[in-house]
Amino acid sequence: MVSDGFVQCFAAWYGSCPGLKVLTPYSSEDARGLLKAAIRDPDPVVFLENELLYGESFPVSAEVLDSSFCLPIGKAKIEREGKHVTITAFSKMVGYALKVSQSFLIVQLKLLAFNPSFFFFFWEQNNWYHAQAAEILAKEGISAEVINLRSIRPLDRAAINASVRKTNRLVTVEEGFPQHGVGAEIW
């Protein structure tokens, strides 16, 4: 939500409401496919768009342009394959997860990727900086798997669990507060 004052991410709030499905598109593909799914779904659906994504452009395949294109609700997308750490994100934060952050976060991710412990990191939007993260992580020998959640409720726990079983590490990236947020639900 864009504002000159109070800003809040409503994903966790709506996600805690019984009976609601909550969708959070990141790309043009997500927006088109999930909006069609929301319209066709018999249950109430909240479709949360981040206004800051309106100025972004994304590649679109012929499949997405087909009139029958629709994405399943509750199915996450692996935006980037990896083997050392799993990063989950939704909406605008997927772009930040695919890009790099401050150098000290790289150090934290290096420790996380090669430490046998299991960690949760909560990272707020205003602490992220634009640079090519995946490239920097790759140069550091870290292969990060980025999961675009697409759907907050229902949450694709199977995709998250499969990725974390592979990497043994998890980083959550979201705009909201870390307490009682979407990242807290992933546990």
C-alpha atoms as a PDB file:
ATOM      1  CA  MET A   1       0.000   0.000   0.000  1.00  0.00           C
ATOM      2  CA  VAL A   2       1.425   3.386  -1.020  1.00  0.00           C
ATOM      3  CA  SER A   3       0.856   6.366   1.232  1.00  0.00           C
ATOM      4  CA  ASP A   4       2.546   9.524   2.432  1.00  0.00           C
ATOM      5  CA  GLY A   5       1.942   8.477   6.023  1.00  0.00           C
ATOM      6  CA  PHE A   6       0.924   5.201   7.611  1.00  0.00           C
ATOM      7  CA  VAL A   7       1.733   2.160   5.484  1.00  0.00           C
ATOM      8  CA  GLN A   8       0.696  -1.386   6.257  1.00  0.00           C
ATOM      9  CA  CYS A   9       0.798  -4.775   4.553  1.00  0.00           C
ATOM     10  CA  PHE A  10      -2.613  -6.423   4.866  1.00  0.00           C
ATOM     11  CA  ALA A  11      -1.584  -9.897   3.671  1.00  0.00           C
ATOM     12  CA  ALA A  12      -1.225 -11.418   7.152  1.00  0.00           C
ATOM     13  CA  TRP A  13      -4.336  -9.632   8.406  1.00  0.00           C
ATOM     14  CA  TYR A  14      -6.573 -10.957   5.624  1.00  0.00           C
ATOM     15  CA  GLY A  15      -4.798 -14.305   5.739  1.00  0.00           C
ATOM     16  CA  SER A  16      -5.984 -14.797   9.316  1.00  0.00           C
ATOM     17  CA  CYS A  17      -9.672 -14.337   8.374  1.00  0.00           C
ATOM     18  CA  PRO A  18     -11.467 -17.700   8.155  1.00  0.00           C
ATOM     19  CA  GLY A  19     -12.960 -18.501   4.770  1.00  0.00           C
ATOM     20  CA  LEU A  20     -10.986 -15.938   2.762  1.00  0.00           C
ATOM     21  CA  LYS A  21      -8.512 -16.786   0.047  1.00  0.00           C
ATOM     22  CA  VAL A  22      -5.710 -14.219  -0.241  1.00  0.00           C
ATOM     23  CA  LEU A  23      -3.757 -13.727  -3.476  1.00  0.00           C
ATOM     24  CA  THR A  24      -0.645 -11.562  -3.877  1.00  0.00           C
ATOM     25  CA  PRO A  25       0.574 -11.312  -7.489  1.00  0.00           C
ATOM     26  CA  TYR A  26       4.129 -10.298  -8.336  1.00  0.00           C
ATOM     27  CA  SER A  27       4.411 -10.416 -12.130  1.00  0.00           C
ATOM     28  CA  SER A  28       2.103  -9.795 -15.085  1.00  0.00           C
ATOM     29  CA  GLU A  29       1.706 -13.562 -15.350  1.00  0.00           C
ATOM     30  CA  ASP A  30       0.626 -13.750 -11.706  1.00  0.00           C
ATOM     31  CA  ALA A  31      -1.782 -10.829 -12.040  1.00  0.00           C
ATOM     32  CA  ARG A  32      -3.523 -12.185 -15.146  1.00  0.00           C
ATOM     33  CA  GLY A  33      -3.674 -15.820 -14.053  1.00  0.00           C
ATOM     34  CA  LEU A  34      -4.616 -15.214 -10.432  1.00  0.00           C
ATOM     35  CA  LEU A  35      -7.251 -12.567 -11.225  1.00  0.00           C
ATOM     36  CA  LYS A  36      -9.002 -15.018 -13.560  1.00  0.00           C
ATOM     37  CA  ALA A  37      -8.814 -17.687 -10.860  1.00  0.00           C
ATOM     38  CA  ALA A  38     -10.225 -15.259  -8.272  1.00  0.00           C
ATOM     39  CA  ILE A  39     -13.161 -14.342 -10.511  1.00  0.00           C
ATOM     40  CA  ARG A  40     -13.963 -18.007 -11.179  1.00  0.00           C
ATOM     41  CA  ASP A  41     -13.609 -19.124  -7.553  1.00  0.00           C
ATOM     42  CA  PRO A  42     -16.921 -19.605  -5.704  1.00  0.00           C
ATOM     43  CA  ASP A  43     -15.368 -18.547  -2.370  1.00  0.00           C
ATOM     44  CA  PRO A  44     -14.491 -14.986  -1.292  1.00  0.00           C
ATOM     45  CA  VAL A  45     -11.048 -13.945  -2.566  1.00  0.00           C
ATOM     46  CA  VAL A  46      -8.958 -10.923  -1.575  1.00  0.00           C
ATOM     47  CA  PHE A  47      -6.633  -9.820  -4.385  1.00  0.00           C
ATOM     48  CA  LEU A  48      -3.808  -7.675  -2.963  1.00  0.00           C
ATOM     49  CA  GLU A  49      -1.866  -5.693  -5.548  1.00  0.00           C
ATOM     50  CA  ASN A  50       1.157  -3.620  -4.590  1.00  0.00           C
ATOM     51  CA  GLU A  51       0.811  -0.243  -6.331  1.00  0.00           C
ATOM     52  CA  LEU A  52       4.585   0.019  -6.688  1.00  0.00           C
ATOM     53  CA  LEU A  53       4.454  -2.879  -9.170  1.00  0.00           C
ATOM     54  CA  TYR A  54       2.235  -0.907 -11.591  1.00  0.00           C
ATOM     55  CA  GLY A  55       5.310   0.754 -13.115  1.00  0.00           C
ATOM     56  CA  GLU A  56       7.240  -2.518 -13.483  1.00  0.00           C
ATOM     57  CA  SER A  57       7.388  -4.477 -16.717  1.00  0.00           C
ATOM     58  CA  PHE A  58       7.709  -8.242 -16.911  1.00  0.00           C
ATOM     59  CA  PRO A  59       8.292 -10.633 -19.800  1.00  0.00           C
ATOM     60  CA  VAL A  60       5.070 -12.270 -20.957  1.00  0.00           C
ATOM     61  CA  SER A  61       4.939 -15.556 -22.865  1.00  0.00           C
ATOM     62  CA  ALA A  62       2.421 -16.517 -25.527  1.00  0.00           C
ATOM     63  CA  GLU A  63       0.921 -18.974 -23.032  1.00  0.00           C
ATOM     64  CA  VAL A  64       0.065 -16.115 -20.650  1.00  0.00           C
ATOM     65  CA  LEU A  65      -1.578 -14.152 -23.477  1.00  0.00           C
ATOM     66  CA  ASP A  66      -3.856 -17.077 -24.341  1.00  0.00           C
ATOM     67  CA  SER A  67      -7.456 -16.352 -23.318  1.00  0.00           C
ATOM     68  CA  SER A  68      -7.692 -19.636 -21.392  1.00  0.00           C
ATOM     69  CA  PHE A  69      -4.627 -18.890 -19.194  1.00  0.00           C
ATOM     70  CA  CYS A  70      -5.425 -19.238 -15.487  1.00  0.00           C
ATOM     71  CA  LEU A  71      -3.239 -20.032 -12.466  1.00  0.00           C
ATOM     72  CA  PRO A  72      -4.310 -22.358  -9.659  1.00  0.00           C
ATOM     73  CA  ILE A  73      -4.993 -20.725  -6.308  1.00  0.00           C
ATOM     74  CA  GLY A  74      -2.687 -22.019  -3.572  1.00  0.00           C
ATOM     75  CA  LYS A  75       0.213 -22.968  -5.851  1.00  0.00           C
ATOM     76  CA  ALA A  76       3.577 -21.225  -5.330  1.00  0.00           C
ATOM     77  CA  LYS A  77       6.104 -20.690  -8.125  1.00  0.00           C
ATOM     78  CA  ILE A  78       9.814 -21.371  -7.892  1.00  0.00           C
ATOM     79  CA  GLU A  79      11.237 -18.232  -9.483  1.00  0.00           C
ATOM     80  CA  ARG A  80      14.829 -19.397  -9.126  1.00  0.00           C
ATOM     81  CA  GLU A  81      16.213 -22.867  -8.420  1.00  0.00           C
ATOM     82  CA  GLY A  82      18.821 -23.174  -5.678  1.00  0.00           C
ATOM     83  CA  LYS A  83      20.422 -25.617  -3.264  1.00  0.00           C
ATOM     84  CA  HIS A  84      21.876 -23.697  -0.279  1.00  0.00           C
ATOM     85  CA  VAL A  85      19.041 -21.528   1.052  1.00  0.00           C
ATOM     86  CA  THR A  86      15.295 -21.107   0.434  1.00  0.00           C
ATOM     87  CA  ILE A  87      13.922 -17.562   0.218  1.00  0.00           C
ATOM     88  CA  THR A  88      10.129 -17.137   0.329  1.00  0.00           C
ATOM     89  CA  ALA A  89       8.483 -13.875  -0.665  1.00  0.00           C
ATOM     90  CA  PHE A  90       5.243 -12.502  -2.084  1.00  0.00           C
ATOM     91  CA  SER A  91       4.146  -9.524  -4.167  1.00  0.00           C
ATOM     92  CA  LYS A  92       6.778  -6.766  -4.476  1.00  0.00           C
ATOM     93  CA  MET A  93       9.152  -8.591  -2.153  1.00  0.00           C
ATOM     94  CA  VAL A  94       9.709 -11.317  -4.766  1.00  0.00           C
ATOM     95  CA  GLY A  95      11.611  -8.718  -6.794  1.00  0.00           C
ATOM     96  CA  TYR A  96      13.701  -7.844  -3.768  1.00  0.00           C
ATOM     97  CA  ALA A  97      14.359 -11.521  -3.087  1.00  0.00           C
ATOM     98  CA  LEU A  98      15.555 -11.950  -6.673  1.00  0.00           C
ATOM     99  CA  LYS A  99      17.787  -8.890  -6.352  1.00  0.00           C
ATOM    100  CA  VAL A 100      20.585  -8.282  -3.889  1.00  0.00           C
ATOM    101  CA  SER A 101      20.744  -6.523  -0.614  1.00  0.00           C
ATOM    102  CA  GLN A 102      23.301  -4.817   1.535  1.00  0.00           C
ATOM    103  CA  SER A 103      26.692  -6.470   1.847  1.00  0.00           C
ATOM    104  CA  PHE A 104      26.121  -7.446   5.475  1.00  0.00           C
ATOM    105  CA  LEU A 105      23.066  -9.460   4.420  1.00  0.00           C
ATOM    106  CA  ILE A 106      25.305 -11.342   1.997  1.00  0.00           C
ATOM    107  CA  VAL A 107      27.542 -12.204   4.964  1.00  0.00           C
ATOM    108  CA  GLN A 108      24.480 -13.346   6.947  1.00  0.00           C
ATOM    109  CA  LEU A 109      23.316 -15.470   4.022  1.00  0.00           C
ATOM    110  CA  LYS A 110      26.808 -16.952   3.685  1.00  0.00           C
ATOM    111  CA  LEU A 111      26.731 -17.938   7.349  1.00  0.00           C
ATOM    112  CA  LEU A 112      23.212 -19.265   6.945  1.00  0.00           C
ATOM    113  CA  ALA A 113      24.013 -21.232   3.789  1.00  0.00           C
ATOM    114  CA  PHE A 114      26.991 -23.046   5.273  1.00  0.00           C
ATOM    115  CA  ASN A 115      25.857 -23.347   8.901  1.00  0.00           C
ATOM    116  CA  PRO A 116      23.991 -26.566   9.771  1.00  0.00           C
ATOM    117  CA  SER A 117      21.545 -24.680  11.993  1.00  0.00           C
ATOM    118  CA  PHE A 118      18.021 -23.801  10.895  1.00  0.00           C
ATOM    119  CA  PHE A 119      17.298 -20.060  10.869  1.00  0.00           C
ATOM    120  CA  PHE A 120      14.421 -17.710  10.193  1.00  0.00           C
ATOM    121  CA  PHE A 121      15.245 -14.182   9.033  1.00  0.00           C
ATOM    122  CA  PHE A 122      12.641 -11.456   8.792  1.00  0.00           C
ATOM    123  CA  TRP A 123      13.677  -8.587   6.580  1.00  0.00           C
ATOM    124  CA  GLU A 124      11.718  -5.373   6.187  1.00  0.00           C
ATOM    125  CA  GLN A 125      11.323  -3.704   2.808  1.00  0.00           C
ATOM    126  CA  ASN A 126      13.150  -0.486   3.647  1.00  0.00           C
ATOM    127  CA  ASN A 127      16.347  -2.416   4.425  1.00  0.00           C
ATOM    128  CA  TRP A 128      16.697  -3.842   0.915  1.00  0.00           C
ATOM    129  CA  TYR A 129      18.800  -2.258  -1.797  1.00  0.00           C
ATOM    130  CA  HIS A 130      18.697  -2.873  -5.537  1.00  0.00           C
ATOM    131  CA  ALA A 131      21.552  -4.879  -7.055  1.00  0.00           C
ATOM    132  CA  GLN A 132      21.793  -8.261  -8.700  1.00  0.00           C
ATOM    133  CA  ALA A 133      21.585 -10.491  -5.610  1.00  0.00           C
ATOM    134  CA  ALA A 134      21.482 -13.850  -7.244  1.00  0.00           C
ATOM    135  CA  GLU A 135      24.610 -13.011  -9.220  1.00  0.00           C
ATOM    136  CA  ILE A 136      26.444 -11.817  -6.111  1.00  0.00           C
ATOM    137  CA  LEU A 137      25.309 -14.856  -4.137  1.00  0.00           C
ATOM    138  CA  ALA A 138      26.421 -17.097  -7.001  1.00  0.00           C
ATOM    139  CA  LYS A 139      29.864 -15.433  -6.964  1.00  0.00           C
ATOM    140  CA  GLU A 140      29.981 -16.176  -3.249  1.00  0.00           C
ATOM    141  CA  GLY A 141      29.140 -19.806  -3.937  1.00  0.00           C
ATOM    142  CA  ILE A 142      25.574 -19.555  -2.601  1.00  0.00           C
ATOM    143  CA  SER A 143      22.703 -20.943  -4.643  1.00  0.00           C
ATOM    144  CA  ALA A 144      19.444 -19.403  -3.367  1.00  0.00           C
ATOM    145  CA  GLU A 145      16.062 -20.860  -4.279  1.00  0.00           C
ATOM    146  CA  VAL A 146      13.445 -18.088  -4.484  1.00  0.00           C
ATOM    147  CA  ILE A 147       9.793 -19.056  -4.022  1.00  0.00           C
ATOM    148  CA  ASN A 148       7.025 -16.669  -5.084  1.00  0.00           C
ATOM    149  CA  LEU A 149       4.202 -17.617  -2.709  1.00  0.00           C
ATOM    150  CA  ARG A 150       1.485 -16.050  -4.946  1.00  0.00           C
ATOM    151  CA  SER A 151      -1.154 -17.174  -2.449  1.00  0.00           C
ATOM    152  CA  ILE A 152      -1.103 -16.353   1.266  1.00  0.00           C
ATOM    153  CA  ARG A 153      -4.202 -18.395   1.971  1.00  0.00           C
ATOM    154  CA  PRO A 154      -4.141 -21.196   1.062  1.00  0.00           C
ATOM    155  CA  LEU A 155      -0.378 -21.356   1.528  1.00  0.00           C
ATOM    156  CA  ASP A 156       1.539 -23.849  -0.617  1.00  0.00           C
ATOM    157  CA  ARG A 157       3.246 -25.590   2.294  1.00  0.00           C
ATOM    158  CA  ALA A 158       4.205 -28.555   0.115  1.00  0.00           C
ATOM    159  CA  ALA A 159       6.390 -26.379  -2.150  1.00  0.00           C
ATOM    160  CA  ILE A 160       7.968 -24.620   0.833  1.00  0.00           C
ATOM    161  CA  ASN A 161       8.600 -27.881   2.701  1.00  0.00           C
ATOM    162  CA  ALA A 162      10.111 -29.543  -0.374  1.00  0.00           C
ATOM    163  CA  SER A 163      12.486 -26.624  -0.885  1.00  0.00           C
ATOM    164  CA  VAL A 164      13.500 -26.421   2.782  1.00  0.00           C
ATOM    165  CA  ARG A 165      14.105 -30.183   2.849  1.00  0.00           C
ATOM    166  CA  LYS A 166      16.505 -29.633  -0.045  1.00  0.00           C
ATOM    167  CA  THR A 167      18.299 -26.531   1.353  1.00  0.00           C
ATOM    168  CA  ASN A 168      17.804 -26.976   5.145  1.00  0.00           C
ATOM    169  CA  ARG A 169      17.612 -23.177   5.463  1.00  0.00           C
ATOM    170  CA  LEU A 170      14.827 -20.604   5.157  1.00  0.00           C
ATOM    171  CA  VAL A 171      14.726 -16.828   4.776  1.00  0.00           C
ATOM    172  CA  THR A 172      11.373 -15.049   4.612  1.00  0.00           C
ATOM    173  CA  VAL A 173      11.048 -11.656   2.950  1.00  0.00           C
ATOM    174  CA  GLU A 174       7.926  -9.574   3.463  1.00  0.00           C
ATOM    175  CA  GLU A 175       6.729  -6.008   3.905  1.00  0.00           C
ATOM    176  CA  GLY A 176       4.786  -6.616   7.091  1.00  0.00           C
ATOM    177  CA  PHE A 177       5.850  -6.934  10.687  1.00  0.00           C
ATOM    178  CA  PRO A 178       7.749 -10.118  11.578  1.00  0.00           C
ATOM    179  CA  GLN A 179       5.498 -10.957  14.532  1.00  0.00           C
ATOM    180  CA  HIS A 180       2.363 -12.808  13.433  1.00  0.00           C
ATOM    181  CA  GLY A 181       3.195 -12.170   9.772  1.00  0.00           C
ATOM    182  CA  VAL A 182       3.155 -14.454   6.779  1.00  0.00           C
ATOM    183  CA  GLY A 183       6.708 -15.621   7.538  1.00  0.00           C
ATOM    184  CA  ALA A 184       5.589 -16.739  10.989  1.00  0.00           C
ATOM    185  CA  GLU A 185       2.929 -18.927   9.351  1.00  0.00           C
ATOM    186  CA  ILE A 186       5.500 -20.729   7.235  1.00  0.00           C
ATOM    187  CA  TRP A 187       6.993 -22.394  10.296  1.00  0.00           C
END
